[in-house]
């Protein structure tokens, strides 16, 4: 009989790969992320086996791995540099992500202070919500609520401010061409 991690991996690896590749359009990066998910599953096999819904647990691990990937990409490539690549679409996507990020910072700064702090500390400076709660002297559930409300307020600002242009895959390729009247950051 095969070990449980191999049985679980054989059952879910194909659908996890599809899930990851839909979020990351580069096949090599997709495979790297899938390998990271397998490694995390293997290391945390006790948690995986105890999970009430193994599929949901693995999808959460995969989603977190994709998020980590994009965080690494943002730190590695400076948006002031023009990246060199044979894949022009990949370069365009990276450049457009940075243009969108340039739009977001002033929007975050326009939020009320408690929401601005929540987003800056958790999303930009990388604190966990638990660390954020400790730093602010509030409960964990209060911190989670504050971060969630901050995200909603930012979403409202984005929707009210910007017009978006999408590529054929649904990715944002242009943002904030026509700003809403009275908005200083669009």
N, C-alpha and C. Protein backbone atom coordinates (compact mmCIF):
# COMPACT_ATOMS: atom_id res chain seq x y z
N UNK A 1 0.84 -1.18 0.00
CA UNK A 1 0.00 0.00 0.00
C UNK A 1 0.88 1.25 0.00
N UNK A 2 0.48 2.26 -0.77
CA UNK A 2 1.24 3.50 -0.88
C UNK A 2 1.01 4.38 0.35
N UNK A 3 2.02 5.19 0.70
CA UNK A 3 1.83 6.13 1.80
C UNK A 3 0.68 7.10 1.50
N UNK A 4 0.07 7.64 2.55
CA UNK A 4 -1.11 8.49 2.36
C UNK A 4 -0.81 9.75 1.56
N UNK A 5 0.40 10.33 1.70
CA UNK A 5 0.68 11.56 0.93
C UNK A 5 0.69 11.29 -0.57
N UNK A 6 1.11 10.11 -0.97
CA UNK A 6 1.11 9.78 -2.40
C UNK A 6 -0.31 9.56 -2.89
N UNK A 7 -1.13 8.90 -2.11
CA UNK A 7 -2.54 8.69 -2.49
C UNK A 7 -3.27 10.02 -2.62
N UNK A 8 -3.07 10.89 -1.65
CA UNK A 8 -3.74 12.20 -1.70
C UNK A 8 -3.23 12.99 -2.89
N UNK A 9 -1.92 12.98 -3.11
CA UNK A 9 -1.37 13.74 -4.23
C UNK A 9 -1.87 13.22 -5.57
N UNK A 10 -1.93 11.90 -5.72
CA UNK A 10 -2.43 11.32 -6.97
C UNK A 10 -3.88 11.72 -7.22
N UNK A 11 -4.64 11.87 -6.17
CA UNK A 11 -6.05 12.24 -6.33
C UNK A 11 -6.23 13.71 -6.71
N UNK A 12 -5.38 14.60 -6.19
CA UNK A 12 -5.63 16.03 -6.35
C UNK A 12 -4.64 16.80 -7.22
N UNK A 13 -3.51 16.22 -7.60
CA UNK A 13 -2.49 17.04 -8.26
C UNK A 13 -2.94 17.59 -9.61
N UNK A 14 -3.72 16.87 -10.38
CA UNK A 14 -4.14 17.35 -11.69
C UNK A 14 -5.05 18.57 -11.56
N UNK A 15 -6.02 18.49 -10.67
CA UNK A 15 -6.93 19.64 -10.52
C UNK A 15 -6.23 20.83 -9.87
N UNK A 16 -5.28 20.57 -8.97
CA UNK A 16 -4.52 21.67 -8.38
C UNK A 16 -3.65 22.36 -9.42
N UNK A 17 -3.06 21.56 -10.30
CA UNK A 17 -2.24 22.15 -11.36
C UNK A 17 -3.09 23.04 -12.27
N UNK A 18 -4.26 22.57 -12.62
CA UNK A 18 -5.16 23.37 -13.45
C UNK A 18 -5.53 24.68 -12.74
N UNK A 19 -5.85 24.58 -11.45
CA UNK A 19 -6.20 25.74 -10.65
C UNK A 19 -5.05 26.76 -10.63
N UNK A 20 -3.84 26.27 -10.38
CA UNK A 20 -2.68 27.15 -10.29
C UNK A 20 -2.37 27.77 -11.66
N UNK A 21 -2.42 26.96 -12.71
CA UNK A 21 -2.08 27.46 -14.05
C UNK A 21 -3.08 28.48 -14.56
N UNK A 22 -4.32 28.44 -14.06
CA UNK A 22 -5.29 29.47 -14.43
C UNK A 22 -4.90 30.82 -13.82
N UNK A 23 -4.25 30.78 -12.67
CA UNK A 23 -3.86 32.01 -11.99
C UNK A 23 -2.49 32.51 -12.41
N UNK A 24 -1.62 31.58 -12.81
CA UNK A 24 -0.25 31.92 -13.24
C UNK A 24 -0.10 31.42 -14.67
N UNK A 25 0.03 32.32 -15.59
CA UNK A 25 0.00 31.96 -17.01
C UNK A 25 1.31 31.36 -17.53
N UNK A 26 2.33 31.28 -16.70
CA UNK A 26 3.62 30.75 -17.11
C UNK A 26 3.73 29.29 -16.66
N UNK A 27 3.91 28.36 -17.59
CA UNK A 27 3.93 26.94 -17.29
C UNK A 27 5.04 26.53 -16.33
N UNK A 28 6.23 27.11 -16.48
CA UNK A 28 7.34 26.77 -15.58
C UNK A 28 7.04 27.22 -14.16
N UNK A 29 6.52 28.43 -14.03
CA UNK A 29 6.19 28.95 -12.70
C UNK A 29 5.04 28.14 -12.09
N UNK A 30 4.11 27.76 -12.93
CA UNK A 30 2.99 26.93 -12.47
C UNK A 30 3.50 25.62 -11.87
N UNK A 31 4.42 24.97 -12.57
CA UNK A 31 4.99 23.71 -12.06
C UNK A 31 5.79 23.93 -10.78
N UNK A 32 6.50 25.05 -10.69
CA UNK A 32 7.24 25.35 -9.46
C UNK A 32 6.30 25.52 -8.28
N UNK A 33 5.22 26.23 -8.50
CA UNK A 33 4.24 26.45 -7.43
C UNK A 33 3.59 25.13 -7.03
N UNK A 34 3.26 24.30 -8.02
CA UNK A 34 2.69 22.99 -7.73
C UNK A 34 3.64 22.16 -6.88
N UNK A 35 4.91 22.23 -7.19
CA UNK A 35 5.91 21.51 -6.40
C UNK A 35 5.97 22.05 -4.97
N UNK A 36 5.86 23.37 -4.81
CA UNK A 36 5.82 23.96 -3.47
C UNK A 36 4.61 23.46 -2.69
N UNK A 37 3.46 23.36 -3.37
CA UNK A 37 2.25 22.86 -2.72
C UNK A 37 2.46 21.43 -2.25
N UNK A 38 3.09 20.61 -3.10
CA UNK A 38 3.35 19.22 -2.72
C UNK A 38 4.27 19.18 -1.49
N UNK A 39 5.30 20.00 -1.50
CA UNK A 39 6.23 20.02 -0.38
C UNK A 39 5.53 20.44 0.91
N UNK A 40 4.70 21.47 0.83
CA UNK A 40 3.95 21.92 2.01
C UNK A 40 2.99 20.83 2.49
N UNK A 41 2.37 20.14 1.54
CA UNK A 41 1.46 19.06 1.91
C UNK A 41 2.24 17.95 2.62
N UNK A 42 3.39 17.60 2.08
CA UNK A 42 4.21 16.54 2.65
C UNK A 42 4.68 16.90 4.06
N UNK A 43 5.15 18.13 4.23
CA UNK A 43 5.65 18.58 5.53
C UNK A 43 4.52 18.62 6.57
N UNK A 44 3.34 19.02 6.13
CA UNK A 44 2.20 19.17 7.04
C UNK A 44 1.19 18.03 6.89
N UNK A 45 1.67 16.85 6.61
CA UNK A 45 0.78 15.71 6.35
C UNK A 45 -0.18 15.45 7.51
N UNK A 46 0.26 15.65 8.72
CA UNK A 46 -0.63 15.44 9.87
C UNK A 46 -1.84 16.36 9.81
N UNK A 47 -1.63 17.62 9.46
CA UNK A 47 -2.74 18.58 9.34
C UNK A 47 -3.64 18.21 8.17
N UNK A 48 -3.03 17.78 7.07
CA UNK A 48 -3.80 17.42 5.88
C UNK A 48 -4.74 16.26 6.20
N UNK A 49 -4.21 15.24 6.86
CA UNK A 49 -5.02 14.06 7.18
C UNK A 49 -6.13 14.39 8.17
N UNK A 50 -5.92 15.38 9.03
CA UNK A 50 -6.94 15.75 10.02
C UNK A 50 -7.96 16.73 9.46
N UNK A 51 -7.69 17.31 8.31
CA UNK A 51 -8.60 18.30 7.74
C UNK A 51 -9.95 17.67 7.44
N UNK A 52 -11.02 18.41 7.72
CA UNK A 52 -12.36 17.92 7.45
C UNK A 52 -12.60 17.77 5.95
N UNK A 53 -12.03 18.69 5.17
CA UNK A 53 -12.18 18.66 3.72
C UNK A 53 -10.78 18.83 3.12
N UNK A 54 -10.19 17.71 2.72
CA UNK A 54 -8.82 17.73 2.21
C UNK A 54 -8.71 18.57 0.95
N UNK A 55 -9.70 18.48 0.07
CA UNK A 55 -9.68 19.26 -1.17
C UNK A 55 -9.61 20.75 -0.84
N UNK A 56 -10.47 21.22 0.05
CA UNK A 56 -10.49 22.63 0.41
C UNK A 56 -9.16 23.04 1.05
N UNK A 57 -8.62 22.18 1.88
CA UNK A 57 -7.34 22.47 2.54
C UNK A 57 -6.24 22.64 1.49
N UNK A 58 -6.17 21.73 0.54
CA UNK A 58 -5.13 21.80 -0.50
C UNK A 58 -5.33 23.01 -1.41
N UNK A 59 -6.58 23.34 -1.72
CA UNK A 59 -6.83 24.52 -2.53
C UNK A 59 -6.39 25.79 -1.80
N UNK A 60 -6.59 25.83 -0.48
CA UNK A 60 -6.14 26.98 0.29
C UNK A 60 -4.62 27.08 0.26
N UNK A 61 -3.95 25.94 0.41
CA UNK A 61 -2.48 25.92 0.34
C UNK A 61 -2.03 26.40 -1.05
N UNK A 62 -2.70 25.93 -2.10
CA UNK A 62 -2.35 26.34 -3.47
C UNK A 62 -2.59 27.83 -3.67
N UNK A 63 -3.70 28.32 -3.20
CA UNK A 63 -4.00 29.74 -3.34
C UNK A 63 -2.96 30.59 -2.59
N UNK A 64 -2.58 30.16 -1.40
CA UNK A 64 -1.54 30.87 -0.65
C UNK A 64 -0.20 30.83 -1.39
N UNK A 65 0.11 29.71 -2.01
CA UNK A 65 1.36 29.58 -2.76
C UNK A 65 1.36 30.53 -3.97
N UNK A 66 0.22 30.68 -4.63
CA UNK A 66 0.12 31.62 -5.76
C UNK A 66 0.32 33.05 -5.26
N UNK A 67 -0.30 33.37 -4.14
CA UNK A 67 -0.14 34.71 -3.55
C UNK A 67 1.31 34.97 -3.20
N UNK A 68 1.96 33.99 -2.60
CA UNK A 68 3.39 34.13 -2.27
C UNK A 68 4.22 34.34 -3.53
N UNK A 69 3.88 33.63 -4.59
CA UNK A 69 4.58 33.77 -5.87
C UNK A 69 4.50 35.22 -6.36
N UNK A 70 3.28 35.78 -6.36
CA UNK A 70 3.12 37.14 -6.85
C UNK A 70 3.82 38.15 -5.95
N UNK A 71 3.87 37.89 -4.66
CA UNK A 71 4.61 38.77 -3.76
C UNK A 71 6.10 38.73 -4.09
N UNK A 72 6.62 37.54 -4.38
CA UNK A 72 8.04 37.43 -4.75
C UNK A 72 8.31 38.15 -6.05
N UNK A 73 7.43 38.00 -7.02
CA UNK A 73 7.61 38.65 -8.32
C UNK A 73 7.64 40.16 -8.15
N UNK A 74 6.77 40.69 -7.31
CA UNK A 74 6.74 42.14 -7.09
C UNK A 74 8.01 42.64 -6.43
N UNK A 75 8.62 41.85 -5.57
CA UNK A 75 9.85 42.27 -4.90
C UNK A 75 11.06 42.14 -5.82
N UNK A 76 11.04 41.17 -6.73
CA UNK A 76 12.20 40.91 -7.57
C UNK A 76 12.31 41.89 -8.72
N UNK A 77 11.21 42.20 -9.38
CA UNK A 77 11.24 43.06 -10.56
C UNK A 77 10.88 44.48 -10.16
N UNK A 78 11.78 45.39 -10.40
CA UNK A 78 11.50 46.79 -10.12
C UNK A 78 10.71 47.37 -11.27
N UNK A 79 9.64 48.09 -10.96
CA UNK A 79 8.80 48.61 -12.04
C UNK A 79 9.47 49.76 -12.78
N UNK A 80 10.60 50.25 -12.27
CA UNK A 80 11.32 51.28 -12.99
C UNK A 80 12.19 50.68 -14.09
N UNK A 81 12.49 49.39 -13.98
CA UNK A 81 13.28 48.72 -15.00
C UNK A 81 12.36 48.13 -16.05
N UNK A 82 12.87 48.01 -17.24
CA UNK A 82 12.13 47.31 -18.29
C UNK A 82 12.63 45.88 -18.34
N UNK A 83 11.84 44.90 -17.89
CA UNK A 83 12.31 43.52 -17.91
C UNK A 83 12.50 43.00 -19.33
N UNK A 84 13.50 42.15 -19.49
CA UNK A 84 13.80 41.57 -20.78
C UNK A 84 13.19 40.18 -20.83
N UNK A 85 12.45 39.88 -21.88
CA UNK A 85 11.81 38.58 -21.98
C UNK A 85 11.48 38.30 -23.44
N UNK A 86 11.47 37.01 -23.81
CA UNK A 86 11.04 36.65 -25.16
C UNK A 86 9.52 36.72 -25.26
N UNK A 87 8.88 36.57 -24.13
CA UNK A 87 7.42 36.56 -24.12
C UNK A 87 6.91 37.97 -23.86
N UNK A 88 6.57 38.67 -24.91
CA UNK A 88 6.17 40.06 -24.78
C UNK A 88 4.92 40.21 -23.92
N UNK A 89 4.00 39.27 -24.00
CA UNK A 89 2.78 39.32 -23.20
C UNK A 89 3.08 39.26 -21.71
N UNK A 90 4.08 38.46 -21.33
CA UNK A 90 4.45 38.34 -19.92
C UNK A 90 5.02 39.66 -19.42
N UNK A 91 5.86 40.30 -20.22
CA UNK A 91 6.45 41.58 -19.85
C UNK A 91 5.35 42.62 -19.71
N UNK A 92 4.42 42.66 -20.65
CA UNK A 92 3.33 43.61 -20.60
C UNK A 92 2.49 43.41 -19.34
N UNK A 93 2.21 42.17 -19.00
CA UNK A 93 1.41 41.88 -17.81
C UNK A 93 2.12 42.38 -16.56
N UNK A 94 3.42 42.16 -16.47
CA UNK A 94 4.17 42.62 -15.29
C UNK A 94 4.16 44.14 -15.22
N UNK A 95 4.40 44.81 -16.35
CA UNK A 95 4.39 46.27 -16.36
C UNK A 95 3.03 46.81 -15.97
N UNK A 96 1.96 46.19 -16.47
CA UNK A 96 0.62 46.66 -16.16
C UNK A 96 0.27 46.44 -14.69
N UNK A 97 0.77 45.36 -14.09
CA UNK A 97 0.55 45.15 -12.66
C UNK A 97 1.16 46.29 -11.86
N UNK A 98 2.34 46.75 -12.27
CA UNK A 98 2.98 47.84 -11.54
C UNK A 98 2.24 49.15 -11.76
N UNK A 99 1.71 49.39 -12.95
CA UNK A 99 0.92 50.60 -13.16
C UNK A 99 -0.30 50.58 -12.26
N UNK A 100 -0.93 49.42 -12.13
CA UNK A 100 -2.08 49.29 -11.25
C UNK A 100 -1.66 49.53 -9.80
N UNK A 101 -0.51 48.99 -9.41
CA UNK A 101 -0.02 49.20 -8.05
C UNK A 101 0.23 50.69 -7.79
N UNK A 102 0.72 51.42 -8.80
CA UNK A 102 0.92 52.85 -8.65
C UNK A 102 -0.40 53.56 -8.39
N UNK A 103 -1.46 53.07 -8.97
CA UNK A 103 -2.80 53.63 -8.75
C UNK A 103 -3.29 53.36 -7.33
N UNK A 104 -2.98 52.19 -6.81
CA UNK A 104 -3.55 51.76 -5.53
C UNK A 104 -2.99 52.51 -4.33
N UNK A 105 -1.73 52.81 -4.33
CA UNK A 105 -1.13 53.44 -3.14
C UNK A 105 -1.83 54.74 -2.76
N UNK A 106 -2.08 55.66 -3.70
CA UNK A 106 -2.80 56.89 -3.32
C UNK A 106 -4.23 56.60 -2.85
N UNK A 107 -4.84 55.57 -3.40
CA UNK A 107 -6.20 55.21 -2.97
C UNK A 107 -6.17 54.73 -1.52
N UNK A 108 -5.17 53.92 -1.20
CA UNK A 108 -5.03 53.44 0.18
C UNK A 108 -4.80 54.63 1.11
N UNK A 109 -3.97 55.57 0.67
CA UNK A 109 -3.67 56.75 1.50
C UNK A 109 -4.91 57.60 1.73
N UNK A 110 -5.90 57.52 0.86
CA UNK A 110 -7.11 58.34 1.01
C UNK A 110 -8.13 57.73 1.98
N UNK A 111 -7.91 56.50 2.39
CA UNK A 111 -8.84 55.84 3.31
C UNK A 111 -8.72 56.43 4.72
N UNK A 112 -9.77 56.29 5.53
CA UNK A 112 -9.65 56.71 6.93
C UNK A 112 -8.48 55.99 7.60
N UNK A 113 -7.89 56.62 8.61
CA UNK A 113 -6.65 56.14 9.20
C UNK A 113 -6.71 54.69 9.66
N UNK A 114 -7.79 54.27 10.32
CA UNK A 114 -7.80 52.89 10.83
C UNK A 114 -7.78 51.87 9.71
N UNK A 115 -8.40 52.18 8.58
CA UNK A 115 -8.40 51.26 7.45
C UNK A 115 -7.08 51.34 6.69
N UNK A 116 -6.56 52.55 6.58
CA UNK A 116 -5.27 52.75 5.90
C UNK A 116 -4.18 51.96 6.64
N UNK A 117 -4.14 52.08 7.96
CA UNK A 117 -3.16 51.33 8.75
C UNK A 117 -3.32 49.83 8.56
N UNK A 118 -4.57 49.38 8.57
CA UNK A 118 -4.83 47.95 8.43
C UNK A 118 -4.27 47.42 7.12
N UNK A 119 -4.52 48.12 6.02
CA UNK A 119 -4.04 47.66 4.71
C UNK A 119 -2.52 47.78 4.60
N UNK A 120 -1.98 48.88 5.04
CA UNK A 120 -0.53 49.07 4.90
C UNK A 120 0.22 48.01 5.70
N UNK A 121 -0.20 47.80 6.94
CA UNK A 121 0.53 46.85 7.78
C UNK A 121 0.36 45.40 7.33
N UNK A 122 -0.84 45.02 6.91
CA UNK A 122 -1.06 43.62 6.54
C UNK A 122 -0.73 43.33 5.09
N UNK A 123 -1.12 44.19 4.18
CA UNK A 123 -0.95 43.90 2.76
C UNK A 123 0.39 44.37 2.21
N UNK A 124 0.86 45.51 2.68
CA UNK A 124 2.10 46.06 2.11
C UNK A 124 3.33 45.70 2.95
N UNK A 125 3.19 45.71 4.27
CA UNK A 125 4.35 45.42 5.11
C UNK A 125 4.41 43.95 5.52
N UNK A 126 3.37 43.18 5.20
CA UNK A 126 3.42 41.73 5.39
C UNK A 126 3.15 41.21 6.79
N UNK A 127 2.60 42.03 7.67
CA UNK A 127 2.23 41.50 8.99
C UNK A 127 1.06 40.54 8.84
N UNK A 128 1.05 39.52 9.66
CA UNK A 128 -0.13 38.66 9.70
C UNK A 128 -1.22 39.42 10.44
N UNK A 129 -2.45 38.97 10.30
CA UNK A 129 -3.54 39.64 11.00
C UNK A 129 -3.38 39.49 12.51
N UNK A 130 -2.79 38.39 12.96
CA UNK A 130 -2.53 38.20 14.38
C UNK A 130 -1.50 39.23 14.87
N UNK A 131 -0.43 39.42 14.09
CA UNK A 131 0.59 40.41 14.46
C UNK A 131 0.00 41.82 14.44
N UNK A 132 -0.86 42.07 13.47
CA UNK A 132 -1.53 43.37 13.37
C UNK A 132 -2.39 43.60 14.62
N UNK A 133 -3.14 42.58 15.04
CA UNK A 133 -3.99 42.70 16.23
C UNK A 133 -3.15 43.02 17.46
N UNK A 134 -2.03 42.32 17.62
CA UNK A 134 -1.15 42.56 18.76
C UNK A 134 -0.58 43.97 18.73
N UNK A 135 -0.15 44.41 17.56
CA UNK A 135 0.44 45.74 17.43
C UNK A 135 -0.58 46.84 17.75
N UNK A 136 -1.83 46.63 17.32
CA UNK A 136 -2.87 47.64 17.52
C UNK A 136 -3.56 47.50 18.87
N UNK A 137 -3.31 46.39 19.56
CA UNK A 137 -3.95 46.17 20.86
C UNK A 137 -5.43 45.85 20.76
N UNK A 138 -5.79 45.12 19.69
CA UNK A 138 -7.19 44.72 19.51
C UNK A 138 -7.26 43.20 19.38
N UNK A 139 -8.47 42.67 19.44
CA UNK A 139 -8.64 41.22 19.33
C UNK A 139 -8.35 40.77 17.89
N UNK A 140 -8.07 39.49 17.74
CA UNK A 140 -7.82 38.95 16.41
C UNK A 140 -9.05 39.10 15.52
N UNK A 141 -10.23 38.82 16.07
CA UNK A 141 -11.45 38.96 15.26
C UNK A 141 -11.67 40.43 14.88
N UNK A 142 -11.33 41.35 15.79
CA UNK A 142 -11.42 42.77 15.46
C UNK A 142 -10.47 43.16 14.35
N UNK A 143 -9.26 42.60 14.40
CA UNK A 143 -8.28 42.88 13.35
C UNK A 143 -8.75 42.34 12.01
N UNK A 144 -9.28 41.13 12.02
CA UNK A 144 -9.77 40.53 10.77
C UNK A 144 -10.90 41.37 10.19
N UNK A 145 -11.81 41.82 11.04
CA UNK A 145 -12.92 42.66 10.57
C UNK A 145 -12.41 43.96 10.00
N UNK A 146 -11.44 44.55 10.68
CA UNK A 146 -10.90 45.84 10.21
C UNK A 146 -10.22 45.69 8.85
N UNK A 147 -9.45 44.63 8.68
CA UNK A 147 -8.77 44.39 7.40
C UNK A 147 -9.81 44.14 6.31
N UNK A 148 -10.83 43.36 6.63
CA UNK A 148 -11.88 43.07 5.64
C UNK A 148 -12.61 44.35 5.23
N UNK A 149 -12.96 45.20 6.22
CA UNK A 149 -13.63 46.46 5.91
C UNK A 149 -12.72 47.37 5.09
N UNK A 150 -11.43 47.36 5.40
CA UNK A 150 -10.47 48.18 4.65
C UNK A 150 -10.41 47.72 3.20
N UNK A 151 -10.41 46.42 2.99
CA UNK A 151 -10.39 45.89 1.61
C UNK A 151 -11.66 46.30 0.86
N UNK A 152 -12.80 46.24 1.56
CA UNK A 152 -14.06 46.64 0.92
C UNK A 152 -14.04 48.12 0.56
N UNK A 153 -13.53 48.95 1.46
CA UNK A 153 -13.46 50.39 1.18
C UNK A 153 -12.52 50.68 0.00
N UNK A 154 -11.41 49.96 -0.05
CA UNK A 154 -10.48 50.12 -1.18
C UNK A 154 -11.16 49.68 -2.48
N UNK A 155 -11.88 48.58 -2.42
CA UNK A 155 -12.60 48.08 -3.59
C UNK A 155 -13.60 49.14 -4.09
N UNK A 156 -14.31 49.78 -3.16
CA UNK A 156 -15.26 50.83 -3.54
C UNK A 156 -14.54 51.99 -4.24
N UNK A 157 -13.38 52.38 -3.69
CA UNK A 157 -12.60 53.46 -4.29
C UNK A 157 -12.18 53.08 -5.71
N UNK A 158 -11.74 51.86 -5.87
CA UNK A 158 -11.27 51.41 -7.18
C UNK A 158 -12.42 51.40 -8.18
N UNK A 159 -13.55 50.86 -7.78
CA UNK A 159 -14.71 50.78 -8.67
C UNK A 159 -15.21 52.16 -9.03
N UNK A 160 -15.26 53.07 -8.06
CA UNK A 160 -15.77 54.42 -8.31
C UNK A 160 -14.81 55.29 -9.11
N UNK A 161 -13.55 54.97 -9.09
CA UNK A 161 -12.55 55.83 -9.71
C UNK A 161 -12.22 55.44 -11.14
N UNK A 162 -11.98 54.19 -11.34
CA UNK A 162 -11.28 53.79 -12.55
C UNK A 162 -12.16 53.11 -13.60
N UNK A 163 -11.72 53.26 -14.82
CA UNK A 163 -12.23 52.47 -15.92
C UNK A 163 -11.13 51.48 -16.27
N UNK A 164 -11.51 50.26 -16.55
CA UNK A 164 -10.52 49.21 -16.77
C UNK A 164 -10.57 48.71 -18.20
N UNK A 165 -9.41 48.27 -18.66
CA UNK A 165 -9.29 47.60 -19.95
C UNK A 165 -8.73 46.21 -19.68
N UNK A 166 -9.36 45.19 -20.24
CA UNK A 166 -8.96 43.82 -19.97
C UNK A 166 -8.42 43.17 -21.24
N UNK A 167 -7.48 42.21 -21.06
CA UNK A 167 -7.03 41.43 -22.21
C UNK A 167 -7.98 40.26 -22.43
N UNK A 168 -7.67 39.42 -23.40
CA UNK A 168 -8.59 38.32 -23.74
C UNK A 168 -8.68 37.27 -22.64
N UNK A 169 -7.76 37.30 -21.66
CA UNK A 169 -7.78 36.35 -20.56
C UNK A 169 -8.50 36.90 -19.33
N UNK A 170 -8.93 38.16 -19.40
CA UNK A 170 -9.60 38.77 -18.26
C UNK A 170 -8.66 39.49 -17.32
N UNK A 171 -7.38 39.60 -17.68
CA UNK A 171 -6.42 40.31 -16.86
C UNK A 171 -6.52 41.81 -17.12
N UNK A 172 -6.32 42.62 -16.11
CA UNK A 172 -6.35 44.07 -16.28
C UNK A 172 -5.09 44.49 -17.02
N UNK A 173 -5.27 45.21 -18.13
CA UNK A 173 -4.12 45.69 -18.89
C UNK A 173 -4.00 47.21 -18.82
N UNK A 174 -5.07 47.89 -18.44
CA UNK A 174 -5.00 49.34 -18.29
C UNK A 174 -5.99 49.75 -17.21
N UNK A 175 -5.59 50.78 -16.49
CA UNK A 175 -6.39 51.25 -15.38
C UNK A 175 -6.28 52.75 -15.31
N UNK A 176 -7.34 53.38 -14.88
CA UNK A 176 -7.31 54.80 -14.53
C UNK A 176 -7.03 55.72 -15.71
N UNK A 177 -7.42 55.31 -16.92
CA UNK A 177 -7.22 56.22 -18.05
C UNK A 177 -8.12 57.45 -17.91
N UNK A 178 -9.36 57.22 -17.51
CA UNK A 178 -10.30 58.32 -17.32
C UNK A 178 -10.68 58.36 -15.85
N UNK A 179 -10.20 59.37 -15.17
CA UNK A 179 -10.47 59.41 -13.75
C UNK A 179 -11.84 60.01 -13.47
N UNK A 180 -12.35 59.64 -12.32
CA UNK A 180 -13.62 60.20 -11.87
C UNK A 180 -13.37 61.66 -11.47
N UNK A 181 -14.36 62.52 -11.66
CA UNK A 181 -14.18 63.93 -11.31
C UNK A 181 -13.87 64.08 -9.82
N UNK A 182 -12.93 64.94 -9.51
CA UNK A 182 -12.61 65.24 -8.12
C UNK A 182 -11.69 64.23 -7.44
N UNK A 183 -11.25 63.21 -8.14
CA UNK A 183 -10.36 62.22 -7.54
C UNK A 183 -8.94 62.61 -7.90
N UNK A 184 -8.09 62.76 -6.89
CA UNK A 184 -6.73 63.23 -7.13
C UNK A 184 -5.77 62.12 -7.52
N UNK A 185 -6.18 60.85 -7.39
CA UNK A 185 -5.24 59.76 -7.61
C UNK A 185 -5.51 58.95 -8.85
N UNK A 186 -6.50 59.27 -9.61
CA UNK A 186 -6.80 58.46 -10.80
C UNK A 186 -6.11 59.04 -12.02
